[in-house]
Amino acid sequence: MTTTNQPIETLRDGSIKATIWKNEGDNGSFYTAEISRTYQKEETYHDSYSFSGTDLLKVSRLTLKAYDRIAELLSVDKKGS
């Protein structure tokens, strides 16, 4: 049986998204974020990791939101320990 790691949260601003993942390492849990842009080609959705100049402000804001959310998650994890 294979278990697939699912994102714990996805923050969005239009087509730009920040996906937050929880991972397990030798020193316990840690979080990572992946920033991407979703687009549709024909009837299939894809993610891209390049951004136009007009997308960069959205990327910046989502990065800050992801940072704050990960800090909250880490705080909850510490309280649960």
PDB file of N, CA and C in Angstrom:
ATOM      1  N   MET A   1       0.840  -1.169   0.000  1.00  0.00           N
ATOM      2  CA  MET A   1       0.000   0.000   0.000  1.00  0.00           C
ATOM      3  C   MET A   1       0.894   1.244   0.000  1.00  0.00           C
ATOM      4  N   THR A   2       0.624   2.178  -0.898  1.00  0.00           N
ATOM      5  CA  THR A   2       1.397   3.407  -0.998  1.00  0.00           C
ATOM      6  C   THR A   2       0.579   4.557  -0.442  1.00  0.00           C
ATOM      7  N   THR A   3       1.191   5.354   0.432  1.00  0.00           N
ATOM      8  CA  THR A   3       0.534   6.529   0.983  1.00  0.00           C
ATOM      9  C   THR A   3       1.085   7.762   0.291  1.00  0.00           C
ATOM     10  N   THR A   4       0.205   8.607  -0.216  1.00  0.00           N
ATOM     11  CA  THR A   4       0.613   9.830  -0.884  1.00  0.00           C
ATOM     12  C   THR A   4       0.488  10.990   0.091  1.00  0.00           C
ATOM     13  N   ASN A   5       1.553  11.758   0.200  1.00  0.00           N
ATOM     14  CA  ASN A   5       1.532  12.937   1.047  1.00  0.00           C
ATOM     15  C   ASN A   5       0.637  13.989   0.405  1.00  0.00           C
ATOM     16  N   GLN A   6      -0.345  14.465   1.134  1.00  0.00           N
ATOM     17  CA  GLN A   6      -1.264  15.480   0.646  1.00  0.00           C
ATOM     18  C   GLN A   6      -0.914  16.830   1.271  1.00  0.00           C
ATOM     19  N   PRO A   7      -1.135  17.925   0.541  1.00  0.00           N
ATOM     20  CA  PRO A   7      -0.895  19.238   1.144  1.00  0.00           C
ATOM     21  C   PRO A   7      -1.858  19.462   2.302  1.00  0.00           C
ATOM     22  N   ILE A   8      -1.386  20.203   3.301  1.00  0.00           N
ATOM     23  CA  ILE A   8      -2.273  20.466   4.430  1.00  0.00           C
ATOM     24  C   ILE A   8      -3.098  21.723   4.209  1.00  0.00           C
ATOM     25  N   GLU A   9      -2.623  22.588   3.303  1.00  0.00           N
ATOM     26  CA  GLU A   9      -3.364  23.815   3.037  1.00  0.00           C
ATOM     27  C   GLU A   9      -2.876  24.421   1.719  1.00  0.00           C
ATOM     28  N   THR A  10      -3.796  25.077   1.010  1.00  0.00           N
ATOM     29  CA  THR A  10      -3.438  25.810  -0.201  1.00  0.00           C
ATOM     30  C   THR A  10      -4.015  27.211  -0.098  1.00  0.00           C
ATOM     31  N   LEU A  11      -3.144  28.206  -0.179  1.00  0.00           N
ATOM     32  CA  LEU A  11      -3.543  29.611  -0.174  1.00  0.00           C
ATOM     33  C   LEU A  11      -3.568  30.081  -1.623  1.00  0.00           C
ATOM     34  N   ARG A  12      -4.562  30.885  -1.994  1.00  0.00           N
ATOM     35  CA  ARG A  12      -4.693  31.306  -3.393  1.00  0.00           C
ATOM     36  C   ARG A  12      -4.902  32.805  -3.529  1.00  0.00           C
ATOM     37  N   ASP A  13      -4.425  33.308  -4.663  1.00  0.00           N
ATOM     38  CA  ASP A  13      -4.732  34.662  -5.121  1.00  0.00           C
ATOM     39  C   ASP A  13      -4.846  34.568  -6.632  1.00  0.00           C
ATOM     40  N   GLY A  14      -6.065  34.418  -7.108  1.00  0.00           N
ATOM     41  CA  GLY A  14      -6.279  34.203  -8.533  1.00  0.00           C
ATOM     42  C   GLY A  14      -5.656  32.884  -8.960  1.00  0.00           C
ATOM     43  N   SER A  15      -4.821  32.930  -9.984  1.00  0.00           N
ATOM     44  CA  SER A  15      -4.206  31.705 -10.493  1.00  0.00           C
ATOM     45  C   SER A  15      -2.924  31.330  -9.752  1.00  0.00           C
ATOM     46  N   ILE A  16      -2.497  32.171  -8.820  1.00  0.00           N
ATOM     47  CA  ILE A  16      -1.268  31.916  -8.056  1.00  0.00           C
ATOM     48  C   ILE A  16      -1.649  31.202  -6.764  1.00  0.00           C
ATOM     49  N   LYS A  17      -0.863  30.171  -6.414  1.00  0.00           N
ATOM     50  CA  LYS A  17      -1.168  29.452  -5.179  1.00  0.00           C
ATOM     51  C   LYS A  17       0.114  29.123  -4.416  1.00  0.00           C
ATOM     52  N   ALA A  18      -0.035  29.054  -3.106  1.00  0.00           N
ATOM     53  CA  ALA A  18       1.028  28.609  -2.204  1.00  0.00           C
ATOM     54  C   ALA A  18       0.502  27.355  -1.522  1.00  0.00           C
ATOM     55  N   THR A  19       1.147  26.241  -1.800  1.00  0.00           N
ATOM     56  CA  THR A  19       0.738  24.960  -1.245  1.00  0.00           C
ATOM     57  C   THR A  19       1.660  24.617  -0.086  1.00  0.00           C
ATOM     58  N   ILE A  20       1.088  24.351   1.080  1.00  0.00           N
ATOM     59  CA  ILE A  20       1.862  24.061   2.286  1.00  0.00           C
ATOM     60  C   ILE A  20       1.824  22.556   2.549  1.00  0.00           C
ATOM     61  N   TRP A  21       3.008  21.999   2.765  1.00  0.00           N
ATOM     62  CA  TRP A  21       3.179  20.568   2.996  1.00  0.00           C
ATOM     63  C   TRP A  21       3.782  20.330   4.375  1.00  0.00           C
ATOM     64  N   LYS A  22       3.342  19.277   5.046  1.00  0.00           N
ATOM     65  CA  LYS A  22       3.960  18.841   6.299  1.00  0.00           C
ATOM     66  C   LYS A  22       4.787  17.607   5.997  1.00  0.00           C
ATOM     67  N   ASN A  23       6.021  17.626   6.448  1.00  0.00           N
ATOM     68  CA  ASN A  23       6.945  16.525   6.194  1.00  0.00           C
ATOM     69  C   ASN A  23       7.514  16.020   7.509  1.00  0.00           C
ATOM     70  N   GLU A  24       7.998  14.813   7.481  1.00  0.00           N
ATOM     71  CA  GLU A  24       8.648  14.221   8.653  1.00  0.00           C
ATOM     72  C   GLU A  24      10.117  13.994   8.331  1.00  0.00           C
ATOM     73  N   GLY A  25      10.981  14.420   9.251  1.00  0.00           N
ATOM     74  CA  GLY A  25      12.414  14.231   9.084  1.00  0.00           C
ATOM     75  C   GLY A  25      13.021  13.597  10.321  1.00  0.00           C
ATOM     76  N   ASP A  26      14.327  13.456  10.313  1.00  0.00           N
ATOM     77  CA  ASP A  26      15.032  12.862  11.454  1.00  0.00           C
ATOM     78  C   ASP A  26      14.822  13.653  12.743  1.00  0.00           C
ATOM     79  N   ASN A  27      14.616  14.961  12.612  1.00  0.00           N
ATOM     80  CA  ASN A  27      14.430  15.822  13.789  1.00  0.00           C
ATOM     81  C   ASN A  27      12.968  16.188  14.022  1.00  0.00           C
ATOM     82  N   GLY A  28      12.048  15.429  13.443  1.00  0.00           N
ATOM     83  CA  GLY A  28      10.625  15.692  13.647  1.00  0.00           C
ATOM     84  C   GLY A  28       9.967  16.318  12.429  1.00  0.00           C
ATOM     85  N   SER A  29       8.816  16.909  12.655  1.00  0.00           N
ATOM     86  CA  SER A  29       8.025  17.510  11.586  1.00  0.00           C
ATOM     87  C   SER A  29       8.606  18.846  11.146  1.00  0.00           C
ATOM     88  N   PHE A  30       8.419  19.140   9.865  1.00  0.00           N
ATOM     89  CA  PHE A  30       8.753  20.459   9.338  1.00  0.00           C
ATOM     90  C   PHE A  30       7.812  20.747   8.172  1.00  0.00           C
ATOM     91  N   TYR A  31       7.722  22.012   7.801  1.00  0.00           N
ATOM     92  CA  TYR A  31       6.799  22.444   6.760  1.00  0.00           C
ATOM     93  C   TYR A  31       7.567  23.061   5.598  1.00  0.00           C
ATOM     94  N   THR A  32       7.023  22.869   4.402  1.00  0.00           N
ATOM     95  CA  THR A  32       7.562  23.514   3.214  1.00  0.00           C
ATOM     96  C   THR A  32       6.402  24.133   2.441  1.00  0.00           C
ATOM     97  N   ALA A  33       6.735  25.086   1.585  1.00  0.00           N
ATOM     98  CA  ALA A  33       5.722  25.719   0.743  1.00  0.00           C
ATOM     99  C   ALA A  33       6.190  25.702  -0.702  1.00  0.00           C
ATOM    100  N   GLU A  34       5.257  25.496  -1.587  1.00  0.00           N
ATOM    101  CA  GLU A  34       5.523  25.490  -3.018  1.00  0.00           C
ATOM    102  C   GLU A  34       4.651  26.573  -3.648  1.00  0.00           C
ATOM    103  N   ILE A  35       5.261  27.492  -4.381  1.00  0.00           N
ATOM    104  CA  ILE A  35       4.542  28.569  -5.053  1.00  0.00           C
ATOM    105  C   ILE A  35       4.407  28.193  -6.527  1.00  0.00           C
ATOM    106  N   SER A  36       3.197  28.285  -7.065  1.00  0.00           N
ATOM    107  CA  SER A  36       2.989  27.939  -8.470  1.00  0.00           C
ATOM    108  C   SER A  36       1.846  28.764  -9.062  1.00  0.00           C
ATOM    109  N   ARG A  37       1.746  28.675 -10.359  1.00  0.00           N
ATOM    110  CA  ARG A  37       0.679  29.343 -11.099  1.00  0.00           C
ATOM    111  C   ARG A  37      -0.085  28.264 -11.864  1.00  0.00           C
ATOM    112  N   THR A  38      -1.400  28.234 -11.696  1.00  0.00           N
ATOM    113  CA  THR A  38      -2.231  27.252 -12.372  1.00  0.00           C
ATOM    114  C   THR A  38      -2.742  27.851 -13.685  1.00  0.00           C
ATOM    115  N   TYR A  39      -2.681  27.047 -14.734  1.00  0.00           N
ATOM    116  CA  TYR A  39      -3.240  27.467 -16.021  1.00  0.00           C
ATOM    117  C   TYR A  39      -3.917  26.274 -16.677  1.00  0.00           C
ATOM    118  N   GLN A  40      -4.808  26.582 -17.610  1.00  0.00           N
ATOM    119  CA  GLN A  40      -5.546  25.529 -18.299  1.00  0.00           C
ATOM    120  C   GLN A  40      -5.124  25.503 -19.765  1.00  0.00           C
ATOM    121  N   LYS A  41      -4.770  24.316 -20.227  1.00  0.00           N
ATOM    122  CA  LYS A  41      -4.453  24.105 -21.637  1.00  0.00           C
ATOM    123  C   LYS A  41      -5.412  23.042 -22.132  1.00  0.00           C
ATOM    124  N   GLU A  42      -6.231  23.446 -23.098  1.00  0.00           N
ATOM    125  CA  GLU A  42      -7.344  22.619 -23.551  1.00  0.00           C
ATOM    126  C   GLU A  42      -8.232  22.359 -22.347  1.00  0.00           C
ATOM    127  N   GLU A  43      -8.426  21.125 -21.938  1.00  0.00           N
ATOM    128  CA  GLU A  43      -9.306  20.853 -20.794  1.00  0.00           C
ATOM    129  C   GLU A  43      -8.541  20.353 -19.575  1.00  0.00           C
ATOM    130  N   THR A  44      -7.217  20.509 -19.593  1.00  0.00           N
ATOM    131  CA  THR A  44      -6.386  19.996 -18.506  1.00  0.00           C
ATOM    132  C   THR A  44      -5.720  21.155 -17.770  1.00  0.00           C
ATOM    133  N   TYR A  45      -5.713  21.076 -16.439  1.00  0.00           N
ATOM    134  CA  TYR A  45      -5.043  22.084 -15.627  1.00  0.00           C
ATOM    135  C   TYR A  45      -3.598  21.665 -15.377  1.00  0.00           C
ATOM    136  N   HIS A  46      -2.709  22.650 -15.386  1.00  0.00           N
ATOM    137  CA  HIS A  46      -1.283  22.428 -15.163  1.00  0.00           C
ATOM    138  C   HIS A  46      -0.768  23.470 -14.184  1.00  0.00           C
ATOM    139  N   ASP A  47       0.388  23.178 -13.578  1.00  0.00           N
ATOM    140  CA  ASP A  47       1.067  24.159 -12.732  1.00  0.00           C
ATOM    141  C   ASP A  47       2.348  24.598 -13.416  1.00  0.00           C
ATOM    142  N   SER A  48       2.645  25.878 -13.274  1.00  0.00           N
ATOM    143  CA  SER A  48       3.882  26.448 -13.795  1.00  0.00           C
ATOM    144  C   SER A  48       4.604  27.120 -12.629  1.00  0.00           C
ATOM    145  N   TYR A  49       5.917  27.180 -12.736  1.00  0.00           N
ATOM    146  CA  TYR A  49       6.715  27.770 -11.660  1.00  0.00           C
ATOM    147  C   TYR A  49       7.445  29.016 -12.151  1.00  0.00           C
ATOM    148  N   SER A  50       6.942  29.601 -13.229  1.00  0.00           N
ATOM    149  CA  SER A  50       7.446  30.883 -13.705  1.00  0.00           C
ATOM    150  C   SER A  50       6.293  31.881 -13.652  1.00  0.00           C
ATOM    151  N   PHE A  51       6.642  33.137 -13.456  1.00  0.00           N
ATOM    152  CA  PHE A  51       5.628  34.153 -13.217  1.00  0.00           C
ATOM    153  C   PHE A  51       5.924  35.390 -14.044  1.00  0.00           C
ATOM    154  N   SER A  52       4.865  36.032 -14.504  1.00  0.00           N
ATOM    155  CA  SER A  52       5.030  37.291 -15.227  1.00  0.00           C
ATOM    156  C   SER A  52       5.296  38.403 -14.209  1.00  0.00           C
ATOM    157  N   GLY A  53       5.739  39.519 -14.704  1.00  0.00           N
ATOM    158  CA  GLY A  53       5.997  40.657 -13.815  1.00  0.00           C
ATOM    159  C   GLY A  53       4.760  41.071 -13.040  1.00  0.00           C
ATOM    160  N   THR A  54       3.600  40.975 -13.669  1.00  0.00           N
ATOM    161  CA  THR A  54       2.369  41.367 -12.977  1.00  0.00           C
ATOM    162  C   THR A  54       1.949  40.355 -11.913  1.00  0.00           C
ATOM    163  N   ASP A  55       2.484  39.136 -11.961  1.00  0.00           N
ATOM    164  CA  ASP A  55       2.185  38.123 -10.942  1.00  0.00           C
ATOM    165  C   ASP A  55       3.063  38.257  -9.703  1.00  0.00           C
ATOM    166  N   LEU A  56       4.168  38.965  -9.811  1.00  0.00           N
ATOM    167  CA  LEU A  56       5.158  38.952  -8.728  1.00  0.00           C
ATOM    168  C   LEU A  56       4.646  39.537  -7.419  1.00  0.00           C
ATOM    169  N   LEU A  57       3.782  40.524  -7.464  1.00  0.00           N
ATOM    170  CA  LEU A  57       3.224  41.064  -6.220  1.00  0.00           C
ATOM    171  C   LEU A  57       2.351  40.010  -5.536  1.00  0.00           C
ATOM    172  N   LYS A  58       1.559  39.272  -6.320  1.00  0.00           N
ATOM    173  CA  LYS A  58       0.755  38.187  -5.749  1.00  0.00           C
ATOM    174  C   LYS A  58       1.657  37.115  -5.143  1.00  0.00           C
ATOM    175  N   VAL A  59       2.743  36.784  -5.835  1.00  0.00           N
ATOM    176  CA  VAL A  59       3.700  35.798  -5.319  1.00  0.00           C
ATOM    177  C   VAL A  59       4.258  36.274  -3.982  1.00  0.00           C
ATOM    178  N   SER A  60       4.652  37.535  -3.924  1.00  0.00           N
ATOM    179  CA  SER A  60       5.218  38.099  -2.704  1.00  0.00           C
ATOM    180  C   SER A  60       4.219  38.035  -1.549  1.00  0.00           C
ATOM    181  N   ARG A  61       3.004  38.440  -1.797  1.00  0.00           N
ATOM    182  CA  ARG A  61       1.988  38.428  -0.733  1.00  0.00           C
ATOM    183  C   ARG A  61       1.653  37.011  -0.271  1.00  0.00           C
ATOM    184  N   LEU A  62       1.542  36.084  -1.222  1.00  0.00           N
ATOM    185  CA  LEU A  62       1.255  34.697  -0.829  1.00  0.00           C
ATOM    186  C   LEU A  62       2.415  34.082  -0.067  1.00  0.00           C
ATOM    187  N   THR A  63       3.635  34.453  -0.423  1.00  0.00           N
ATOM    188  CA  THR A  63       4.800  33.962   0.304  1.00  0.00           C
ATOM    189  C   THR A  63       4.749  34.420   1.762  1.00  0.00           C
ATOM    190  N   LEU A  64       4.400  35.665   1.988  1.00  0.00           N
ATOM    191  CA  LEU A  64       4.268  36.173   3.356  1.00  0.00           C
ATOM    192  C   LEU A  64       3.143  35.460   4.112  1.00  0.00           C
ATOM    193  N   LYS A  65       2.015  35.238   3.451  1.00  0.00           N
ATOM    194  CA  LYS A  65       0.908  34.530   4.093  1.00  0.00           C
ATOM    195  C   LYS A  65       1.299  33.090   4.435  1.00  0.00           C
ATOM    196  N   ALA A  66       2.023  32.435   3.523  1.00  0.00           N
ATOM    197  CA  ALA A  66       2.471  31.065   3.783  1.00  0.00           C
ATOM    198  C   ALA A  66       3.448  31.035   4.952  1.00  0.00           C
ATOM    199  N   TYR A  67       4.342  32.011   5.013  1.00  0.00           N
ATOM    200  CA  TYR A  67       5.296  32.114   6.123  1.00  0.00           C
ATOM    201  C   TYR A  67       4.540  32.232   7.449  1.00  0.00           C
ATOM    202  N   ASP A  68       3.556  33.127   7.501  1.00  0.00           N
ATOM    203  CA  ASP A  68       2.774  33.324   8.724  1.00  0.00           C
ATOM    204  C   ASP A  68       1.989  32.058   9.088  1.00  0.00           C
ATOM    205  N   ARG A  69       1.421  31.401   8.096  1.00  0.00           N
ATOM    206  CA  ARG A  69       0.636  30.189   8.362  1.00  0.00           C
ATOM    207  C   ARG A  69       1.520  29.065   8.876  1.00  0.00           C
ATOM    208  N   ILE A  70       2.707  28.924   8.305  1.00  0.00           N
ATOM    209  CA  ILE A  70       3.637  27.893   8.783  1.00  0.00           C
ATOM    210  C   ILE A  70       4.067  28.197  10.218  1.00  0.00           C
ATOM    211  N   ALA A  71       4.282  29.462  10.540  1.00  0.00           N
ATOM    212  CA  ALA A  71       4.619  29.833  11.917  1.00  0.00           C
ATOM    213  C   ALA A  71       3.491  29.436  12.870  1.00  0.00           C
ATOM    214  N   GLU A  72       2.238  29.639  12.466  1.00  0.00           N
ATOM    215  CA  GLU A  72       1.093  29.227  13.282  1.00  0.00           C
ATOM    216  C   GLU A  72       1.076  27.711  13.472  1.00  0.00           C
ATOM    217  N   LEU A  73       1.303  26.979  12.397  1.00  0.00           N
ATOM    218  CA  LEU A  73       1.302  25.521  12.468  1.00  0.00           C
ATOM    219  C   LEU A  73       2.408  25.006  13.377  1.00  0.00           C
ATOM    220  N   LEU A  74       3.581  25.619  13.297  1.00  0.00           N
ATOM    221  CA  LEU A  74       4.696  25.221  14.170  1.00  0.00           C
ATOM    222  C   LEU A  74       4.361  25.497  15.631  1.00  0.00           C
ATOM    223  N   SER A  75       3.686  26.617  15.898  1.00  0.00           N
ATOM    224  CA  SER A  75       3.294  26.961  17.254  1.00  0.00           C
ATOM    225  C   SER A  75       2.302  25.923  17.801  1.00  0.00           C
ATOM    226  N   VAL A  76       1.348  25.525  16.976  1.00  0.00           N
ATOM    227  CA  VAL A  76       0.376  24.493  17.383  1.00  0.00           C
ATOM    228  C   VAL A  76       1.100  23.182  17.641  1.00  0.00           C
ATOM    229  N   ASP A  77       2.055  22.831  16.783  1.00  0.00           N
ATOM    230  CA  ASP A  77       2.812  21.588  16.975  1.00  0.00           C
ATOM    231  C   ASP A  77       3.567  21.609  18.288  1.00  0.00           C
ATOM    232  N   LYS A  78       4.170  22.759  18.631  1.00  0.00           N
ATOM    233  CA  LYS A  78       4.927  22.859  19.889  1.00  0.00           C
ATOM    234  C   LYS A  78       4.013  22.693  21.095  1.00  0.00           C
ATOM    235  N   LYS A  79       2.824  23.304  21.025  1.00  0.00           N
ATOM    236  CA  LYS A  79       1.880  23.196  22.133  1.00  0.00           C
ATOM    237  C   LYS A  79       1.382  21.779  22.310  1.00  0.00           C
ATOM    238  N   GLY A  80       1.315  21.019  21.204  1.00  0.00           N
ATOM    239  CA  GLY A  80       0.829  19.656  21.263  1.00  0.00           C
ATOM    240  C   GLY A  80       1.874  18.682  21.767  1.00  0.00           C
ATOM    241  N   SER A  81       3.135  19.109  21.832  1.00  0.00           N
ATOM    242  CA  SER A  81       4.228  18.215  22.263  1.00  0.00           C
ATOM    243  C   SER A  81       4.253  18.044  23.760  1.00  0.00           C
TER     244      SER A  81
END
